[in-house]
Amino acid sequence: MSDREIQNVLFVCTGNSVRSIMAEAILNREGAGRYRAFSAGSQPRGEVHPYTLDVLQGNNYAVDGLGSKSWEEFAETGAQQMDFVFTLCDRAASEACPTWPGAPVSAHWGIPDPLEVEGNEAVRRAAFAEAMRHLTNRISIFVNLPMQSLSRLNLQQRLDEIGSTAAPAS
């Protein structure tokens, strides 16, 4: 972790259209002044899924500036240095990730993909809301960690534990 006042966090998924976008918006609000969130995908879809925007706006999150982009822009020479990188889908976690500048702390926080849920519109939208609840819960735990008092090893253990945290019952 760097000594910068604001820590940079990158959330990664394959398509960068749902979960990583949600996480970016959530952390930018919940961690304001302490964390700056970004998102990217290994194979970005090029657009944010409309249900993602709906669930974020429905929960009063800012959506301006959110966009689907490649993780390559965060691995390039001169790229913004990340302090943390979290993979949110199993596919991205199993892919060969780029070498991130600055050797950030990383963890896998797998969240089921709402895009894989079948059913009518209400069922699919409920899957997006559930992903949002999982992410909100995990990010809330993350922003409340006592960062200054954790060694890198203890921090890694805590981040791994967060990845297995379930969302609160709705």
Foldseek 3Di string as FASTA:
>chain_A
DDPDQAAEEEEEEAALAALRLLLQQLCCVLVPRHYHYDYEHQHHPFAHDPLRVVLCVVVVTDNPPRTYHHCVQQQDVPHDAHQEYEYADPVVVPDDDHDGPPPHQYEYQYQDDLVPDDDDPVRSSVSRNLSSQLSNVLSNQVSPDPVVPDDSVRNSVVNHVSSPDHGDDD
